[in-house]
Amino acid sequence: MPFILMCGFPSSGKTKRTEELKVYFESKLSKTVHIISDDSLKINKNEVYADSKKEKDVRGNLKSSVQRILNKDDVVILDSLNYIKGFRYELYCVTKACQTPHCVTVLSCNFRFFVILARTKHQNTTEIVQNLTSIHKKYNYGCSEDKCSW
């Protein structure tokens, strides 16, 4: 499975699962694993996800990083919010163009949990909670009660 797209709210466990997948693929399957994340691109998440223009630029950087690294042999994991359905579809098209398999991994949790976690982790909780609320409103799961489309 050369491309794994991690989706979920901040602090939902995406990075932890990404690291666990990396260890698994490297140790059990002897695969080379590339992780692309907000941290690897040195992105200030609080600043970027509060500004839609900066966020759009970041999505472009994430996508081009995936395109540069993606191949049929190595595993590429994109560890970011990836909450916009259209962006996930663009990445789907990239994997199809590279003729490589992919999967979407969604880590979710109750939104109230994220707010509580943000209040315990950060000093400026009002701004952080506003950003989380904004992300929550924009998050597109791609699923409804009767169908699921990614």
C-alpha atoms as a PDB file:
ATOM      1  CA  MET A   1       0.000   0.000   0.000  1.00  0.00           C
ATOM      2  CA  PRO A   2       2.295   2.774  -1.188  1.00  0.00           C
ATOM      3  CA  PHE A   3       0.124   5.786  -0.216  1.00  0.00           C
ATOM      4  CA  ILE A   4      -1.667   6.238   3.093  1.00  0.00           C
ATOM      5  CA  LEU A   5      -3.680   9.398   3.684  1.00  0.00           C
ATOM      6  CA  MET A   6      -4.245  10.155   7.352  1.00  0.00           C
ATOM      7  CA  CYS A   7      -7.319  12.284   8.166  1.00  0.00           C
ATOM      8  CA  GLY A   8      -8.628  13.674  11.407  1.00  0.00           C
ATOM      9  CA  PHE A   9      -8.829  16.575  13.788  1.00  0.00           C
ATOM     10  CA  PRO A  10      -5.764  17.893  15.593  1.00  0.00           C
ATOM     11  CA  SER A  11      -4.701  15.593  18.446  1.00  0.00           C
ATOM     12  CA  SER A  12      -6.795  12.678  17.163  1.00  0.00           C
ATOM     13  CA  GLY A  13      -3.743  10.404  17.051  1.00  0.00           C
ATOM     14  CA  LYS A  14      -2.717  10.767  13.400  1.00  0.00           C
ATOM     15  CA  THR A  15       0.980  11.240  14.113  1.00  0.00           C
ATOM     16  CA  LYS A  16       1.074   8.393  16.630  1.00  0.00           C
ATOM     17  CA  ARG A  17      -0.582   6.010  14.137  1.00  0.00           C
ATOM     18  CA  THR A  18       1.725   7.260  11.397  1.00  0.00           C
ATOM     19  CA  GLU A  19       4.770   6.388  13.493  1.00  0.00           C
ATOM     20  CA  GLU A  20       3.304   2.964  14.312  1.00  0.00           C
ATOM     21  CA  LEU A  21       2.679   2.298  10.607  1.00  0.00           C
ATOM     22  CA  LYS A  22       6.225   3.392   9.773  1.00  0.00           C
ATOM     23  CA  VAL A  23       7.700   0.980  12.309  1.00  0.00           C
ATOM     24  CA  TYR A  24       5.491  -1.829  11.015  1.00  0.00           C
ATOM     25  CA  PHE A  25       6.312  -1.332   7.329  1.00  0.00           C
ATOM     26  CA  GLU A  26      10.031  -0.930   7.983  1.00  0.00           C
ATOM     27  CA  SER A  27      10.436  -3.825  10.406  1.00  0.00           C
ATOM     28  CA  LYS A  28       7.929  -6.410   9.168  1.00  0.00           C
ATOM     29  CA  LEU A  29       7.847  -5.705   5.434  1.00  0.00           C
ATOM     30  CA  SER A  30      11.279  -4.084   4.901  1.00  0.00           C
ATOM     31  CA  LYS A  31       9.714  -1.142   3.058  1.00  0.00           C
ATOM     32  CA  THR A  32      11.100   2.368   2.795  1.00  0.00           C
ATOM     33  CA  VAL A  33       8.632   4.785   4.408  1.00  0.00           C
ATOM     34  CA  HIS A  34       8.396   8.515   3.688  1.00  0.00           C
ATOM     35  CA  ILE A  35       6.318  10.671   6.026  1.00  0.00           C
ATOM     36  CA  ILE A  36       5.038  14.010   4.800  1.00  0.00           C
ATOM     37  CA  SER A  37       3.493  16.141   7.516  1.00  0.00           C
ATOM     38  CA  ASP A  38       2.926  19.695   8.656  1.00  0.00           C
ATOM     39  CA  ASP A  39       5.935  19.241  10.929  1.00  0.00           C
ATOM     40  CA  SER A  40       8.223  17.964   8.150  1.00  0.00           C
ATOM     41  CA  LEU A  41       7.332  21.042   6.081  1.00  0.00           C
ATOM     42  CA  LYS A  42       7.869  23.257   9.158  1.00  0.00           C
ATOM     43  CA  ILE A  43       4.319  24.600   9.158  1.00  0.00           C
ATOM     44  CA  ASN A  44       3.000  26.657  12.067  1.00  0.00           C
ATOM     45  CA  LYS A  45      -0.390  24.972  12.345  1.00  0.00           C
ATOM     46  CA  ASN A  46      -2.059  27.612  14.517  1.00  0.00           C
ATOM     47  CA  GLU A  47      -1.085  30.371  12.108  1.00  0.00           C
ATOM     48  CA  VAL A  48      -1.795  28.500   8.878  1.00  0.00           C
ATOM     49  CA  TYR A  49      -5.146  26.915   9.708  1.00  0.00           C
ATOM     50  CA  ALA A  50      -6.497  30.286  10.876  1.00  0.00           C
ATOM     51  CA  ASP A  51      -5.888  31.817   7.407  1.00  0.00           C
ATOM     52  CA  SER A  52      -7.554  30.207   4.379  1.00  0.00           C
ATOM     53  CA  LYS A  53      -5.029  31.661   1.877  1.00  0.00           C
ATOM     54  CA  LYS A  54      -2.058  30.226   3.790  1.00  0.00           C
ATOM     55  CA  GLU A  55      -3.947  26.961   4.223  1.00  0.00           C
ATOM     56  CA  LYS A  56      -4.465  26.675   0.464  1.00  0.00           C
ATOM     57  CA  ASP A  57      -0.732  27.237  -0.118  1.00  0.00           C
ATOM     58  CA  VAL A  58       0.086  24.539   2.441  1.00  0.00           C
ATOM     59  CA  ARG A  59      -2.227  22.053   0.706  1.00  0.00           C
ATOM     60  CA  GLY A  60      -0.377  22.785  -2.542  1.00  0.00           C
ATOM     61  CA  ASN A  61       2.967  22.138  -0.832  1.00  0.00           C
ATOM     62  CA  LEU A  62       1.686  18.891   0.691  1.00  0.00           C
ATOM     63  CA  LYS A  63       0.355  17.690  -2.663  1.00  0.00           C
ATOM     64  CA  SER A  64       3.566  18.489  -4.551  1.00  0.00           C
ATOM     65  CA  SER A  65       5.624  16.764  -1.858  1.00  0.00           C
ATOM     66  CA  VAL A  66       3.498  13.640  -2.297  1.00  0.00           C
ATOM     67  CA  GLN A  67       3.846  13.832  -6.094  1.00  0.00           C
ATOM     68  CA  ARG A  68       7.646  14.094  -5.873  1.00  0.00           C
ATOM     69  CA  ILE A  69       8.063  11.081  -3.598  1.00  0.00           C
ATOM     70  CA  LEU A  70       5.234   8.759  -4.653  1.00  0.00           C
ATOM     71  CA  ASN A  71       6.291   5.575  -6.490  1.00  0.00           C
ATOM     72  CA  LYS A  72       5.210   1.949  -6.707  1.00  0.00           C
ATOM     73  CA  ASP A  73       7.716   0.588  -4.174  1.00  0.00           C
ATOM     74  CA  ASP A  74       8.038   2.967  -1.217  1.00  0.00           C
ATOM     75  CA  VAL A  75       5.291   3.725   1.288  1.00  0.00           C
ATOM     76  CA  VAL A  76       4.292   7.392   1.514  1.00  0.00           C
ATOM     77  CA  ILE A  77       2.199   8.567   4.463  1.00  0.00           C
ATOM     78  CA  LEU A  78       0.598  12.021   4.464  1.00  0.00           C
ATOM     79  CA  ASP A  79       0.029  13.059   8.078  1.00  0.00           C
ATOM     80  CA  SER A  80      -2.008  16.267   8.063  1.00  0.00           C
ATOM     81  CA  LEU A  81      -5.598  17.353   8.705  1.00  0.00           C
ATOM     82  CA  ASN A  82      -6.703  16.521   5.124  1.00  0.00           C
ATOM     83  CA  TYR A  83     -10.243  17.495   6.002  1.00  0.00           C
ATOM     84  CA  ILE A  84     -11.291  18.840   2.602  1.00  0.00           C
ATOM     85  CA  LYS A  85     -12.923  16.238   0.389  1.00  0.00           C
ATOM     86  CA  GLY A  86     -11.706  17.945  -2.808  1.00  0.00           C
ATOM     87  CA  PHE A  87      -8.096  17.777  -1.599  1.00  0.00           C
ATOM     88  CA  ARG A  88      -8.464  14.087  -0.814  1.00  0.00           C
ATOM     89  CA  TYR A  89      -9.836  13.593  -4.334  1.00  0.00           C
ATOM     90  CA  GLU A  90      -6.839  15.417  -5.853  1.00  0.00           C
ATOM     91  CA  LEU A  91      -4.538  13.044  -3.985  1.00  0.00           C
ATOM     92  CA  TYR A  92      -6.622  10.099  -5.207  1.00  0.00           C
ATOM     93  CA  CYS A  93      -6.052  11.316  -8.787  1.00  0.00           C
ATOM     94  CA  VAL A  94      -2.301  11.571  -8.114  1.00  0.00           C
ATOM     95  CA  THR A  95      -2.190   7.945  -6.945  1.00  0.00           C
ATOM     96  CA  LYS A  96      -4.143   6.812  -9.990  1.00  0.00           C
ATOM     97  CA  ALA A  97      -1.737   8.680 -12.288  1.00  0.00           C
ATOM     98  CA  CYS A  98       1.169   6.911 -10.551  1.00  0.00           C
ATOM     99  CA  GLN A  99      -0.701   3.596 -10.766  1.00  0.00           C
ATOM    100  CA  THR A 100      -0.151   2.922  -7.102  1.00  0.00           C
ATOM    101  CA  PRO A 101      -2.621   1.717  -4.456  1.00  0.00           C
ATOM    102  CA  HIS A 102      -3.760   3.979  -1.654  1.00  0.00           C
ATOM    103  CA  CYS A 103      -5.959   4.079   1.411  1.00  0.00           C
ATOM    104  CA  VAL A 104      -7.588   6.737   3.568  1.00  0.00           C
ATOM    105  CA  THR A 105      -7.327   6.342   7.333  1.00  0.00           C
ATOM    106  CA  VAL A 106      -9.758   8.452   9.337  1.00  0.00           C
ATOM    107  CA  LEU A 107      -9.079   8.966  13.035  1.00  0.00           C
ATOM    108  CA  SER A 108     -11.970  10.579  14.786  1.00  0.00           C
ATOM    109  CA  CYS A 109     -13.069  11.409  18.254  1.00  0.00           C
ATOM    110  CA  ASN A 110     -15.733  13.494  19.933  1.00  0.00           C
ATOM    111  CA  PHE A 111     -15.214  17.206  19.205  1.00  0.00           C
ATOM    112  CA  ARG A 112     -15.579  18.089  22.895  1.00  0.00           C
ATOM    113  CA  PHE A 113     -12.533  15.921  23.580  1.00  0.00           C
ATOM    114  CA  PHE A 114     -10.449  18.101  21.243  1.00  0.00           C
ATOM    115  CA  VAL A 115     -11.573  21.272  22.983  1.00  0.00           C
ATOM    116  CA  ILE A 116     -10.690  19.831  26.410  1.00  0.00           C
ATOM    117  CA  LEU A 117      -7.334  18.639  25.102  1.00  0.00           C
ATOM    118  CA  ALA A 118      -6.595  22.037  23.559  1.00  0.00           C
ATOM    119  CA  ARG A 119      -7.348  23.762  26.844  1.00  0.00           C
ATOM    120  CA  THR A 120      -4.929  21.511  28.724  1.00  0.00           C
ATOM    121  CA  LYS A 121      -2.142  21.683  26.102  1.00  0.00           C
ATOM    122  CA  HIS A 122      -2.086  25.365  25.140  1.00  0.00           C
ATOM    123  CA  GLN A 123      -1.811  28.676  26.942  1.00  0.00           C
ATOM    124  CA  ASN A 124      -3.859  30.793  24.514  1.00  0.00           C
ATOM    125  CA  THR A 125      -6.913  28.551  24.585  1.00  0.00           C
ATOM    126  CA  THR A 126      -9.410  31.048  23.192  1.00  0.00           C
ATOM    127  CA  GLU A 127      -7.583  31.327  19.855  1.00  0.00           C
ATOM    128  CA  ILE A 128      -6.911  27.578  19.694  1.00  0.00           C
ATOM    129  CA  VAL A 129     -10.554  26.708  20.422  1.00  0.00           C
ATOM    130  CA  GLN A 130     -11.691  29.187  17.746  1.00  0.00           C
ATOM    131  CA  ASN A 131      -9.365  27.508  15.227  1.00  0.00           C
ATOM    132  CA  LEU A 132     -10.622  24.047  16.232  1.00  0.00           C
ATOM    133  CA  THR A 133     -14.231  25.168  15.917  1.00  0.00           C
ATOM    134  CA  SER A 134     -13.529  26.606  12.468  1.00  0.00           C
ATOM    135  CA  ILE A 135     -11.837  23.374  11.351  1.00  0.00           C
ATOM    136  CA  HIS A 136     -14.718  21.334  12.782  1.00  0.00           C
ATOM    137  CA  LYS A 137     -17.264  23.346  10.780  1.00  0.00           C
ATOM    138  CA  LYS A 138     -15.255  22.949   7.551  1.00  0.00           C
ATOM    139  CA  TYR A 139     -14.459  19.252   8.009  1.00  0.00           C
ATOM    140  CA  ASN A 140     -15.971  17.156   5.214  1.00  0.00           C
ATOM    141  CA  TYR A 141     -16.195  13.524   6.230  1.00  0.00           C
ATOM    142  CA  GLY A 142     -17.308  12.348   2.804  1.00  0.00           C
ATOM    143  CA  CYS A 143     -19.936  10.120   4.402  1.00  0.00           C
ATOM    144  CA  SER A 144     -23.645  10.373   4.971  1.00  0.00           C
ATOM    145  CA  GLU A 145     -25.998   7.908   6.591  1.00  0.00           C
ATOM    146  CA  ASP A 146     -26.521   5.838   3.449  1.00  0.00           C
ATOM    147  CA  LYS A 147     -23.315   6.205   1.439  1.00  0.00           C
ATOM    148  CA  CYS A 148     -19.640   6.924   1.770  1.00  0.00           C
ATOM    149  CA  SER A 149     -17.558   8.627  -0.927  1.00  0.00           C
ATOM    150  CA  TRP A 150     -13.947   9.666  -0.564  1.00  0.00           C
END
